[in-house]
Amino acid sequence: AYSKHDVLIEFAKIDFNIVQAVHQEEL
């Protein structure tokens, strides 16, 4: 839902995917 395209959202998206990949390996 984040409306701005700035360094915060770019950072958060990549971090979410990296953490999700960790979670997937654990699963």
mmCIF file of all heavy atoms, coordinates in Angstrom:
data_MODEL
# 
_entry.id   MODEL 
# 
loop_
_atom_site.group_PDB 
_atom_site.id 
_atom_site.type_symbol 
_atom_site.label_atom_id 
_atom_site.label_alt_id 
_atom_site.label_comp_id 
_atom_site.label_asym_id 
_atom_site.label_entity_id 
_atom_site.label_seq_id 
_atom_site.pdbx_PDB_ins_code 
_atom_site.Cartn_x 
_atom_site.Cartn_y 
_atom_site.Cartn_z 
_atom_site.occupancy 
_atom_site.B_iso_or_equiv 
_atom_site.pdbx_formal_charge 
_atom_site.auth_seq_id 
_atom_site.auth_comp_id 
_atom_site.auth_asym_id 
_atom_site.auth_atom_id 
_atom_site.pdbx_PDB_model_num 
ATOM 1   N N   . ALA A 1 1  ? 0.810  -1.223  0.000  1.00 0.00 ? 1  ALA A N   1 
ATOM 2   C CA  . ALA A 1 1  ? 0.000  0.000   0.000  1.00 0.00 ? 1  ALA A CA  1 
ATOM 3   C C   . ALA A 1 1  ? 0.843  1.273   0.000  1.00 0.00 ? 1  ALA A C   1 
ATOM 4   O O   . ALA A 1 1  ? 0.299  2.370   -0.154 1.00 0.00 ? 1  ALA A O   1 
ATOM 5   C CB  . ALA A 1 1  ? -0.921 0.014   1.219  1.00 0.00 ? 1  ALA A CB  1 
ATOM 6   N N   . TYR A 1 2  ? 2.152  1.137   0.190  1.00 0.00 ? 2  TYR A N   1 
ATOM 7   C CA  . TYR A 1 2  ? 3.023  2.316   0.329  1.00 0.00 ? 2  TYR A CA  1 
ATOM 8   C C   . TYR A 1 2  ? 2.996  3.119   -0.967 1.00 0.00 ? 2  TYR A C   1 
ATOM 9   O O   . TYR A 1 2  ? 3.253  2.602   -2.049 1.00 0.00 ? 2  TYR A O   1 
ATOM 10  C CB  . TYR A 1 2  ? 4.445  1.852   0.639  1.00 0.00 ? 2  TYR A CB  1 
ATOM 11  C CG  . TYR A 1 2  ? 5.350  2.926   1.196  1.00 0.00 ? 2  TYR A CG  1 
ATOM 12  C CD1 . TYR A 1 2  ? 5.321  3.240   2.547  1.00 0.00 ? 2  TYR A CD1 1 
ATOM 13  C CD2 . TYR A 1 2  ? 6.247  3.596   0.384  1.00 0.00 ? 2  TYR A CD2 1 
ATOM 14  C CE1 . TYR A 1 2  ? 6.157  4.202   3.076  1.00 0.00 ? 2  TYR A CE1 1 
ATOM 15  C CE2 . TYR A 1 2  ? 7.094  4.563   0.898  1.00 0.00 ? 2  TYR A CE2 1 
ATOM 16  C CZ  . TYR A 1 2  ? 7.049  4.864   2.247  1.00 0.00 ? 2  TYR A CZ  1 
ATOM 17  O OH  . TYR A 1 2  ? 7.896  5.824   2.763  1.00 0.00 ? 2  TYR A OH  1 
ATOM 18  N N   . SER A 1 3  ? 2.688  4.394   -0.860 1.00 0.00 ? 3  SER A N   1 
ATOM 19  C CA  . SER A 1 3  ? 2.434  5.204   -2.056 1.00 0.00 ? 3  SER A CA  1 
ATOM 20  C C   . SER A 1 3  ? 3.685  5.833   -2.655 1.00 0.00 ? 3  SER A C   1 
ATOM 21  O O   . SER A 1 3  ? 3.714  6.148   -3.843 1.00 0.00 ? 3  SER A O   1 
ATOM 22  C CB  . SER A 1 3  ? 1.415  6.309   -1.728 1.00 0.00 ? 3  SER A CB  1 
ATOM 23  O OG  . SER A 1 3  ? 1.881  7.116   -0.658 1.00 0.00 ? 3  SER A OG  1 
ATOM 24  N N   . LYS A 1 4  ? 4.735  6.006   -1.855 1.00 0.00 ? 4  LYS A N   1 
ATOM 25  C CA  . LYS A 1 4  ? 5.934  6.664   -2.362 1.00 0.00 ? 4  LYS A CA  1 
ATOM 26  C C   . LYS A 1 4  ? 6.915  5.647   -2.929 1.00 0.00 ? 4  LYS A C   1 
ATOM 27  O O   . LYS A 1 4  ? 7.065  4.551   -2.415 1.00 0.00 ? 4  LYS A O   1 
ATOM 28  C CB  . LYS A 1 4  ? 6.618  7.452   -1.234 1.00 0.00 ? 4  LYS A CB  1 
ATOM 29  C CG  . LYS A 1 4  ? 5.840  8.645   -0.730 1.00 0.00 ? 4  LYS A CG  1 
ATOM 30  C CD  . LYS A 1 4  ? 6.625  9.387   0.340  1.00 0.00 ? 4  LYS A CD  1 
ATOM 31  C CE  . LYS A 1 4  ? 5.854  10.593  0.847  1.00 0.00 ? 4  LYS A CE  1 
ATOM 32  N NZ  . LYS A 1 4  ? 6.608  11.306  1.915  1.00 0.00 ? 4  LYS A NZ  1 
ATOM 33  N N   . HIS A 1 5  ? 7.595  6.006   -3.992 1.00 0.00 ? 5  HIS A N   1 
ATOM 34  C CA  . HIS A 1 5  ? 8.660  5.174   -4.549 1.00 0.00 ? 5  HIS A CA  1 
ATOM 35  C C   . HIS A 1 5  ? 9.986  5.850   -4.194 1.00 0.00 ? 5  HIS A C   1 
ATOM 36  O O   . HIS A 1 5  ? 10.505 6.696   -4.912 1.00 0.00 ? 5  HIS A O   1 
ATOM 37  C CB  . HIS A 1 5  ? 8.501  5.031   -6.062 1.00 0.00 ? 5  HIS A CB  1 
ATOM 38  C CG  . HIS A 1 5  ? 7.328  4.193   -6.441 1.00 0.00 ? 5  HIS A CG  1 
ATOM 39  N ND1 . HIS A 1 5  ? 7.353  2.819   -6.445 1.00 0.00 ? 5  HIS A ND1 1 
ATOM 40  C CD2 . HIS A 1 5  ? 6.065  4.533   -6.807 1.00 0.00 ? 5  HIS A CD2 1 
ATOM 41  C CE1 . HIS A 1 5  ? 6.183  2.337   -6.807 1.00 0.00 ? 5  HIS A CE1 1 
ATOM 42  N NE2 . HIS A 1 5  ? 5.377  3.361   -7.028 1.00 0.00 ? 5  HIS A NE2 1 
ATOM 43  N N   . ASP A 1 6  ? 10.503 5.474   -3.044 1.00 0.00 ? 6  ASP A N   1 
ATOM 44  C CA  . ASP A 1 6  ? 11.727 6.083   -2.558 1.00 0.00 ? 6  ASP A CA  1 
ATOM 45  C C   . ASP A 1 6  ? 12.677 5.000   -2.074 1.00 0.00 ? 6  ASP A C   1 
ATOM 46  O O   . ASP A 1 6  ? 12.410 3.805   -2.222 1.00 0.00 ? 6  ASP A O   1 
ATOM 47  C CB  . ASP A 1 6  ? 11.431 7.100   -1.440 1.00 0.00 ? 6  ASP A CB  1 
ATOM 48  C CG  . ASP A 1 6  ? 10.654 6.477   -0.269 1.00 0.00 ? 6  ASP A CG  1 
ATOM 49  O OD1 . ASP A 1 6  ? 10.608 5.238   -0.171 1.00 0.00 ? 6  ASP A OD1 1 
ATOM 50  O OD2 . ASP A 1 6  ? 10.102 7.235   0.545  1.00 0.00 ? 6  ASP A OD2 1 
ATOM 51  N N   . VAL A 1 7  ? 13.790 5.408   -1.499 1.00 0.00 ? 7  VAL A N   1 
ATOM 52  C CA  . VAL A 1 7  ? 14.802 4.448   -1.070 1.00 0.00 ? 7  VAL A CA  1 
ATOM 53  C C   . VAL A 1 7  ? 14.262 3.519   0.013  1.00 0.00 ? 7  VAL A C   1 
ATOM 54  O O   . VAL A 1 7  ? 14.644 2.344   0.090  1.00 0.00 ? 7  VAL A O   1 
ATOM 55  C CB  . VAL A 1 7  ? 16.073 5.189   -0.592 1.00 0.00 ? 7  VAL A CB  1 
ATOM 56  C CG1 . VAL A 1 7  ? 15.805 5.999   0.681  1.00 0.00 ? 7  VAL A CG1 1 
ATOM 57  C CG2 . VAL A 1 7  ? 17.221 4.217   -0.360 1.00 0.00 ? 7  VAL A CG2 1 
ATOM 58  N N   . LEU A 1 8  ? 13.345 4.007   0.836  1.00 0.00 ? 8  LEU A N   1 
ATOM 59  C CA  . LEU A 1 8  ? 12.764 3.180   1.895  1.00 0.00 ? 8  LEU A CA  1 
ATOM 60  C C   . LEU A 1 8  ? 12.009 1.979   1.318  1.00 0.00 ? 8  LEU A C   1 
ATOM 61  O O   . LEU A 1 8  ? 12.195 0.844   1.755  1.00 0.00 ? 8  LEU A O   1 
ATOM 62  C CB  . LEU A 1 8  ? 11.796 4.008   2.752  1.00 0.00 ? 8  LEU A CB  1 
ATOM 63  C CG  . LEU A 1 8  ? 12.353 4.824   3.906  1.00 0.00 ? 8  LEU A CG  1 
ATOM 64  C CD1 . LEU A 1 8  ? 11.207 5.535   4.620  1.00 0.00 ? 8  LEU A CD1 1 
ATOM 65  C CD2 . LEU A 1 8  ? 13.122 3.955   4.864  1.00 0.00 ? 8  LEU A CD2 1 
ATOM 66  N N   . ILE A 1 9  ? 11.159 2.243   0.345  1.00 0.00 ? 9  ILE A N   1 
ATOM 67  C CA  . ILE A 1 9  ? 10.339 1.155   -0.201 1.00 0.00 ? 9  ILE A CA  1 
ATOM 68  C C   . ILE A 1 9  ? 11.186 0.211   -1.032 1.00 0.00 ? 9  ILE A C   1 
ATOM 69  O O   . ILE A 1 9  ? 10.974 -1.018  -1.026 1.00 0.00 ? 9  ILE A O   1 
ATOM 70  C CB  . ILE A 1 9  ? 9.149  1.718   -1.020 1.00 0.00 ? 9  ILE A CB  1 
ATOM 71  C CG1 . ILE A 1 9  ? 8.127  0.608   -1.316 1.00 0.00 ? 9  ILE A CG1 1 
ATOM 72  C CG2 . ILE A 1 9  ? 9.607  2.363   -2.295 1.00 0.00 ? 9  ILE A CG2 1 
ATOM 73  C CD1 . ILE A 1 9  ? 7.450  0.053   -0.103 1.00 0.00 ? 9  ILE A CD1 1 
ATOM 74  N N   . GLU A 1 10 ? 12.173 0.730   -1.735 1.00 0.00 ? 10 GLU A N   1 
ATOM 75  C CA  . GLU A 1 10 ? 13.074 -0.127  -2.510 1.00 0.00 ? 10 GLU A CA  1 
ATOM 76  C C   . GLU A 1 10 ? 13.836 -1.069  -1.579 1.00 0.00 ? 10 GLU A C   1 
ATOM 77  O O   . GLU A 1 10 ? 13.958 -2.274  -1.842 1.00 0.00 ? 10 GLU A O   1 
ATOM 78  C CB  . GLU A 1 10 ? 14.046 0.748   -3.306 1.00 0.00 ? 10 GLU A CB  1 
ATOM 79  C CG  . GLU A 1 10 ? 14.841 -0.006  -4.344 1.00 0.00 ? 10 GLU A CG  1 
ATOM 80  C CD  . GLU A 1 10 ? 15.763 0.912   -5.142 1.00 0.00 ? 10 GLU A CD  1 
ATOM 81  O OE1 . GLU A 1 10 ? 15.654 2.146   -4.980 1.00 0.00 ? 10 GLU A OE1 1 
ATOM 82  O OE2 . GLU A 1 10 ? 16.594 0.387   -5.894 1.00 0.00 ? 10 GLU A OE2 1 
ATOM 83  N N   . PHE A 1 11 ? 14.325 -0.522  -0.480 1.00 0.00 ? 11 PHE A N   1 
ATOM 84  C CA  . PHE A 1 11 ? 15.044 -1.306  0.523  1.00 0.00 ? 11 PHE A CA  1 
ATOM 85  C C   . PHE A 1 11 ? 14.118 -2.358  1.151  1.00 0.00 ? 11 PHE A C   1 
ATOM 86  O O   . PHE A 1 11 ? 14.483 -3.536  1.291  1.00 0.00 ? 11 PHE A O   1 
ATOM 87  C CB  . PHE A 1 11 ? 15.596 -0.363  1.594  1.00 0.00 ? 11 PHE A CB  1 
ATOM 88  C CG  . PHE A 1 11 ? 16.204 -1.036  2.788  1.00 0.00 ? 11 PHE A CG  1 
ATOM 89  C CD1 . PHE A 1 11 ? 17.193 -1.997  2.645  1.00 0.00 ? 11 PHE A CD1 1 
ATOM 90  C CD2 . PHE A 1 11 ? 15.797 -0.683  4.071  1.00 0.00 ? 11 PHE A CD2 1 
ATOM 91  C CE1 . PHE A 1 11 ? 17.761 -2.604  3.756  1.00 0.00 ? 11 PHE A CE1 1 
ATOM 92  C CE2 . PHE A 1 11 ? 16.355 -1.290  5.181  1.00 0.00 ? 11 PHE A CE2 1 
ATOM 93  C CZ  . PHE A 1 11 ? 17.342 -2.253  5.022  1.00 0.00 ? 11 PHE A CZ  1 
ATOM 94  N N   . ALA A 1 12 ? 12.908 -1.940  1.508  1.00 0.00 ? 12 ALA A N   1 
ATOM 95  C CA  . ALA A 1 12 ? 11.970 -2.843  2.181  1.00 0.00 ? 12 ALA A CA  1 
ATOM 96  C C   . ALA A 1 12 ? 11.558 -4.006  1.282  1.00 0.00 ? 12 ALA A C   1 
ATOM 97  O O   . ALA A 1 12 ? 11.432 -5.147  1.741  1.00 0.00 ? 12 ALA A O   1 
ATOM 98  C CB  . ALA A 1 12 ? 10.738 -2.068  2.639  1.00 0.00 ? 12 ALA A CB  1 
ATOM 99  N N   . LYS A 1 13 ? 11.353 -3.746  -0.010 1.00 0.00 ? 13 LYS A N   1 
ATOM 100 C CA  . LYS A 1 13 ? 10.955 -4.810  -0.933 1.00 0.00 ? 13 LYS A CA  1 
ATOM 101 C C   . LYS A 1 13 ? 12.046 -5.861  -1.065 1.00 0.00 ? 13 LYS A C   1 
ATOM 102 O O   . LYS A 1 13 ? 11.775 -7.071  -1.008 1.00 0.00 ? 13 LYS A O   1 
ATOM 103 C CB  . LYS A 1 13 ? 10.623 -4.218  -2.300 1.00 0.00 ? 13 LYS A CB  1 
ATOM 104 C CG  . LYS A 1 13 ? 9.290  -3.486  -2.363 1.00 0.00 ? 13 LYS A CG  1 
ATOM 105 C CD  . LYS A 1 13 ? 9.052  -2.938  -3.760 1.00 0.00 ? 13 LYS A CD  1 
ATOM 106 C CE  . LYS A 1 13 ? 7.678  -2.278  -3.863 1.00 0.00 ? 13 LYS A CE  1 
ATOM 107 N NZ  . LYS A 1 13 ? 7.426  -1.761  -5.241 1.00 0.00 ? 13 LYS A NZ  1 
ATOM 108 N N   . ILE A 1 14 ? 13.275 -5.414  -1.262 1.00 0.00 ? 14 ILE A N   1 
ATOM 109 C CA  . ILE A 1 14 ? 14.377 -6.370  -1.407 1.00 0.00 ? 14 ILE A CA  1 
ATOM 110 C C   . ILE A 1 14 ? 14.563 -7.152  -0.114 1.00 0.00 ? 14 ILE A C   1 
ATOM 111 O O   . ILE A 1 14 ? 14.759 -8.375  -0.127 1.00 0.00 ? 14 ILE A O   1 
ATOM 112 C CB  . ILE A 1 14 ? 15.678 -5.635  -1.803 1.00 0.00 ? 14 ILE A CB  1 
ATOM 113 C CG1 . ILE A 1 14 ? 15.557 -5.058  -3.212 1.00 0.00 ? 14 ILE A CG1 1 
ATOM 114 C CG2 . ILE A 1 14 ? 16.876 -6.579  -1.738 1.00 0.00 ? 14 ILE A CG2 1 
ATOM 115 C CD1 . ILE A 1 14 ? 16.769 -4.282  -3.678 1.00 0.00 ? 14 ILE A CD1 1 
ATOM 116 N N   . ASP A 1 15 ? 14.479 -6.463  1.021  1.00 0.00 ? 15 ASP A N   1 
ATOM 117 C CA  . ASP A 1 15 ? 14.670 -7.143  2.302  1.00 0.00 ? 15 ASP A CA  1 
ATOM 118 C C   . ASP A 1 15 ? 13.559 -8.164  2.544  1.00 0.00 ? 15 ASP A C   1 
ATOM 119 O O   . ASP A 1 15 ? 13.824 -9.268  3.033  1.00 0.00 ? 15 ASP A O   1 
ATOM 120 C CB  . ASP A 1 15 ? 14.706 -6.115  3.443  1.00 0.00 ? 15 ASP A CB  1 
ATOM 121 C CG  . ASP A 1 15 ? 15.126 -6.741  4.757  1.00 0.00 ? 15 ASP A CG  1 
ATOM 122 O OD1 . ASP A 1 15 ? 16.330 -7.025  4.919  1.00 0.00 ? 15 ASP A OD1 1 
ATOM 123 O OD2 . ASP A 1 15 ? 14.251 -6.975  5.618  1.00 0.00 ? 15 ASP A OD2 1 
ATOM 124 N N   . PHE A 1 16 ? 12.335 -7.806  2.206  1.00 0.00 ? 16 PHE A N   1 
ATOM 125 C CA  . PHE A 1 16 ? 11.223 -8.747  2.374  1.00 0.00 ? 16 PHE A CA  1 
ATOM 126 C C   . PHE A 1 16 ? 11.483 -10.028 1.587  1.00 0.00 ? 16 PHE A C   1 
ATOM 127 O O   . PHE A 1 16 ? 11.293 -11.140 2.090  1.00 0.00 ? 16 PHE A O   1 
ATOM 128 C CB  . PHE A 1 16 ? 9.904  -8.114  1.921  1.00 0.00 ? 16 PHE A CB  1 
ATOM 129 C CG  . PHE A 1 16 ? 8.705  -8.985  2.173  1.00 0.00 ? 16 PHE A CG  1 
ATOM 130 C CD1 . PHE A 1 16 ? 7.949  -8.838  3.318  1.00 0.00 ? 16 PHE A CD1 1 
ATOM 131 C CD2 . PHE A 1 16 ? 8.335  -9.979  1.260  1.00 0.00 ? 16 PHE A CD2 1 
ATOM 132 C CE1 . PHE A 1 16 ? 6.842  -9.656  3.564  1.00 0.00 ? 16 PHE A CE1 1 
ATOM 133 C CE2 . PHE A 1 16 ? 7.239  -10.801 1.489  1.00 0.00 ? 16 PHE A CE2 1 
ATOM 134 C CZ  . PHE A 1 16 ? 6.495  -10.637 2.646  1.00 0.00 ? 16 PHE A CZ  1 
ATOM 135 N N   . ASN A 1 17 ? 11.915 -9.874  0.340  1.00 0.00 ? 17 ASN A N   1 
ATOM 136 C CA  . ASN A 1 17 ? 12.164 -11.048 -0.500 1.00 0.00 ? 17 ASN A CA  1 
ATOM 137 C C   . ASN A 1 17 ? 13.319 -11.891 0.025  1.00 0.00 ? 17 ASN A C   1 
ATOM 138 O O   . ASN A 1 17 ? 13.258 -13.128 -0.013 1.00 0.00 ? 17 ASN A O   1 
ATOM 139 C CB  . ASN A 1 17 ? 12.441 -10.607 -1.932 1.00 0.00 ? 17 ASN A CB  1 
ATOM 140 C CG  . ASN A 1 17 ? 11.181 -10.153 -2.651 1.00 0.00 ? 17 ASN A CG  1 
ATOM 141 O OD1 . ASN A 1 17 ? 10.065 -10.485 -2.255 1.00 0.00 ? 17 ASN A OD1 1 
ATOM 142 N ND2 . ASN A 1 17 ? 11.349 -9.373  -3.713 1.00 0.00 ? 17 ASN A ND2 1 
ATOM 143 N N   . ILE A 1 18 ? 14.365 -11.248 0.522  1.00 0.00 ? 18 ILE A N   1 
ATOM 144 C CA  . ILE A 1 18 ? 15.501 -11.996 1.073  1.00 0.00 ? 18 ILE A CA  1 
ATOM 145 C C   . ILE A 1 18 ? 15.068 -12.791 2.303  1.00 0.00 ? 18 ILE A C   1 
ATOM 146 O O   . ILE A 1 18 ? 15.398 -13.972 2.442  1.00 0.00 ? 18 ILE A O   1 
ATOM 147 C CB  . ILE A 1 18 ? 16.665 -11.039 1.416  1.00 0.00 ? 18 ILE A CB  1 
ATOM 148 C CG1 . ILE A 1 18 ? 17.296 -10.495 0.133  1.00 0.00 ? 18 ILE A CG1 1 
ATOM 149 C CG2 . ILE A 1 18 ? 17.715 -11.731 2.276  1.00 0.00 ? 18 ILE A CG2 1 
ATOM 150 C CD1 . ILE A 1 18 ? 18.326 -9.412  0.358  1.00 0.00 ? 18 ILE A CD1 1 
ATOM 151 N N   . VAL A 1 19 ? 14.313 -12.150 3.179  1.00 0.00 ? 19 VAL A N   1 
ATOM 152 C CA  . VAL A 1 19 ? 13.841 -12.841 4.380  1.00 0.00 ? 19 VAL A CA  1 
ATOM 153 C C   . VAL A 1 19 ? 12.861 -13.941 4.001  1.00 0.00 ? 19 VAL A C   1 
ATOM 154 O O   . VAL A 1 19 ? 12.876 -15.035 4.579  1.00 0.00 ? 19 VAL A O   1 
ATOM 155 C CB  . VAL A 1 19 ? 13.205 -11.841 5.372  1.00 0.00 ? 19 VAL A CB  1 
ATOM 156 C CG1 . VAL A 1 19 ? 12.594 -12.567 6.557  1.00 0.00 ? 19 VAL A CG1 1 
ATOM 157 C CG2 . VAL A 1 19 ? 14.253 -10.842 5.857  1.00 0.00 ? 19 VAL A CG2 1 
ATOM 158 N N   . GLN A 1 20 ? 12.009 -13.688 3.006  1.00 0.00 ? 20 GLN A N   1 
ATOM 159 C CA  . GLN A 1 20 ? 11.073 -14.726 2.564  1.00 0.00 ? 20 GLN A CA  1 
ATOM 160 C C   . GLN A 1 20 ? 11.828 -15.944 2.034  1.00 0.00 ? 20 GLN A C   1 
ATOM 161 O O   . GLN A 1 20 ? 11.436 -17.094 2.299  1.00 0.00 ? 20 GLN A O   1 
ATOM 162 C CB  . GLN A 1 20 ? 10.150 -14.192 1.472  1.00 0.00 ? 20 GLN A CB  1 
ATOM 163 C CG  . GLN A 1 20 ? 9.058  -15.186 1.089  1.00 0.00 ? 20 GLN A CG  1 
ATOM 164 C CD  . GLN A 1 20 ? 8.230  -14.728 -0.087 1.00 0.00 ? 20 GLN A CD  1 
ATOM 165 O OE1 . GLN A 1 20 ? 8.692  -14.787 -1.228 1.00 0.00 ? 20 GLN A OE1 1 
ATOM 166 N NE2 . GLN A 1 20 ? 7.011  -14.264 0.190  1.00 0.00 ? 20 GLN A NE2 1 
ATOM 167 N N   . ALA A 1 21 ? 12.927 -15.733 1.327  1.00 0.00 ? 21 ALA A N   1 
ATOM 168 C CA  . ALA A 1 21 ? 13.721 -16.853 0.822  1.00 0.00 ? 21 ALA A CA  1 
ATOM 169 C C   . ALA A 1 21 ? 14.301 -17.667 1.972  1.00 0.00 ? 21 ALA A C   1 
ATOM 170 O O   . ALA A 1 21 ? 14.367 -18.903 1.901  1.00 0.00 ? 21 ALA A O   1 
ATOM 171 C CB  . ALA A 1 21 ? 14.841 -16.335 -0.080 1.00 0.00 ? 21 ALA A CB  1 
ATOM 172 N N   . VAL A 1 22 ? 14.721 -16.998 3.051  1.00 0.00 ? 22 VAL A N   1 
ATOM 173 C CA  . VAL A 1 22 ? 15.197 -17.700 4.253  1.00 0.00 ? 22 VAL A CA  1 
ATOM 174 C C   . VAL A 1 22 ? 14.070 -18.545 4.838  1.00 0.00 ? 22 VAL A C   1 
ATOM 175 O O   . VAL A 1 22 ? 14.251 -19.722 5.174  1.00 0.00 ? 22 VAL A O   1 
ATOM 176 C CB  . VAL A 1 22 ? 15.722 -16.696 5.295  1.00 0.00 ? 22 VAL A CB  1 
ATOM 177 C CG1 . VAL A 1 22 ? 16.021 -17.388 6.622  1.00 0.00 ? 22 VAL A CG1 1 
ATOM 178 C CG2 . VAL A 1 22 ? 16.978 -15.992 4.777  1.00 0.00 ? 22 VAL A CG2 1 
ATOM 179 N N   . HIS A 1 23 ? 12.892 -17.947 4.959  1.00 0.00 ? 23 HIS A N   1 
ATOM 180 C CA  . HIS A 1 23 ? 11.739 -18.666 5.505  1.00 0.00 ? 23 HIS A CA  1 
ATOM 181 C C   . HIS A 1 23 ? 11.380 -19.870 4.635  1.00 0.00 ? 23 HIS A C   1 
ATOM 182 O O   . HIS A 1 23 ? 11.001 -20.934 5.149  1.00 0.00 ? 23 HIS A O   1 
ATOM 183 C CB  . HIS A 1 23 ? 10.537 -17.725 5.608  1.00 0.00 ? 23 HIS A CB  1 
ATOM 184 C CG  . HIS A 1 23 ? 10.696 -16.665 6.655  1.00 0.00 ? 23 HIS A CG  1 
ATOM 185 N ND1 . HIS A 1 23 ? 9.888  -15.554 6.712  1.00 0.00 ? 23 HIS A ND1 1 
ATOM 186 C CD2 . HIS A 1 23 ? 11.568 -16.537 7.686  1.00 0.00 ? 23 HIS A CD2 1 
ATOM 187 C CE1 . HIS A 1 23 ? 10.239 -14.797 7.737  1.00 0.00 ? 23 HIS A CE1 1 
ATOM 188 N NE2 . HIS A 1 23 ? 11.263 -15.376 8.341  1.00 0.00 ? 23 HIS A NE2 1 
ATOM 189 N N   . GLN A 1 24 ? 11.481 -19.717 3.329  1.00 0.00 ? 24 GLN A N   1 
ATOM 190 C CA  . GLN A 1 24 ? 11.144 -20.828 2.432  1.00 0.00 ? 24 GLN A CA  1 
ATOM 191 C C   . GLN A 1 24 ? 12.087 -22.013 2.623  1.00 0.00 ? 24 GLN A C   1 
ATOM 192 O O   . GLN A 1 24 ? 11.649 -23.173 2.607  1.00 0.00 ? 24 GLN A O   1 
ATOM 193 C CB  . GLN A 1 24 ? 11.171 -20.351 0.980  1.00 0.00 ? 24 GLN A CB  1 
ATOM 194 C CG  . GLN A 1 24 ? 9.997  -19.447 0.623  1.00 0.00 ? 24 GLN A CG  1 
ATOM 195 C CD  . GLN A 1 24 ? 10.119 -18.833 -0.761 1.00 0.00 ? 24 GLN A CD  1 
ATOM 196 O OE1 . GLN A 1 24 ? 11.167 -18.910 -1.416 1.00 0.00 ? 24 GLN A OE1 1 
ATOM 197 N NE2 . GLN A 1 24 ? 9.044  -18.213 -1.226 1.00 0.00 ? 24 GLN A NE2 1 
ATOM 198 N N   . GLU A 1 25 ? 13.370 -21.743 2.804  1.00 0.00 ? 25 GLU A N   1 
ATOM 199 C CA  . GLU A 1 25 ? 14.324 -22.837 3.027  1.00 0.00 ? 25 GLU A CA  1 
ATOM 200 C C   . GLU A 1 25 ? 14.031 -23.548 4.345  1.00 0.00 ? 25 GLU A C   1 
ATOM 201 O O   . GLU A 1 25 ? 14.135 -24.777 4.443  1.00 0.00 ? 25 GLU A O   1 
ATOM 202 C CB  . GLU A 1 25 ? 15.757 -22.302 3.000  1.00 0.00 ? 25 GLU A CB  1 
ATOM 203 C CG  . GLU A 1 25 ? 16.226 -21.839 1.637  1.00 0.00 ? 25 GLU A CG  1 
ATOM 204 C CD  . GLU A 1 25 ? 16.079 -22.925 0.571  1.00 0.00 ? 25 GLU A CD  1 
ATOM 205 O OE1 . GLU A 1 25 ? 16.582 -24.049 0.795  1.00 0.00 ? 25 GLU A OE1 1 
ATOM 206 O OE2 . GLU A 1 25 ? 15.445 -22.644 -0.462 1.00 0.00 ? 25 GLU A OE2 1 
ATOM 207 N N   . GLU A 1 26 ? 13.663 -22.792 5.357  1.00 0.00 ? 26 GLU A N   1 
ATOM 208 C CA  . GLU A 1 26 ? 13.293 -23.406 6.637  1.00 0.00 ? 26 GLU A CA  1 
ATOM 209 C C   . GLU A 1 26 ? 12.043 -24.271 6.491  1.00 0.00 ? 26 GLU A C   1 
ATOM 210 O O   . GLU A 1 26 ? 11.963 -25.368 7.066  1.00 0.00 ? 26 GLU A O   1 
ATOM 211 C CB  . GLU A 1 26 ? 13.069 -22.314 7.686  1.00 0.00 ? 26 GLU A CB  1 
ATOM 212 C CG  . GLU A 1 26 ? 14.340 -21.556 8.062  1.00 0.00 ? 26 GLU A CG  1 
ATOM 213 C CD  . GLU A 1 26 ? 14.060 -20.286 8.857  1.00 0.00 ? 26 GLU A CD  1 
ATOM 214 O OE1 . GLU A 1 26 ? 12.886 -20.021 9.183  1.00 0.00 ? 26 GLU A OE1 1 
ATOM 215 O OE2 . GLU A 1 26 ? 15.026 -19.551 9.154  1.00 0.00 ? 26 GLU A OE2 1 
ATOM 216 N N   . LEU A 1 27 ? 11.098 -23.790 5.719  1.00 0.00 ? 27 LEU A N   1 
ATOM 217 C CA  . LEU A 1 27 ? 9.852  -24.535 5.519  1.00 0.00 ? 27 LEU A CA  1 
ATOM 218 C C   . LEU A 1 27 ? 10.117 -25.842 4.765  1.00 0.00 ? 27 LEU A C   1 
ATOM 219 O O   . LEU A 1 27 ? 9.498  -26.874 5.067  1.00 0.00 ? 27 LEU A O   1 
ATOM 220 C CB  . LEU A 1 27 ? 8.847  -23.664 4.765  1.00 0.00 ? 27 LEU A CB  1 
ATOM 221 C CG  . LEU A 1 27 ? 7.425  -24.205 4.603  1.00 0.00 ? 27 LEU A CG  1 
ATOM 222 C CD1 . LEU A 1 27 ? 6.843  -24.657 5.933  1.00 0.00 ? 27 LEU A CD1 1 
ATOM 223 C CD2 . LEU A 1 27 ? 6.538  -23.145 3.960  1.00 0.00 ? 27 LEU A CD2 1 
# 
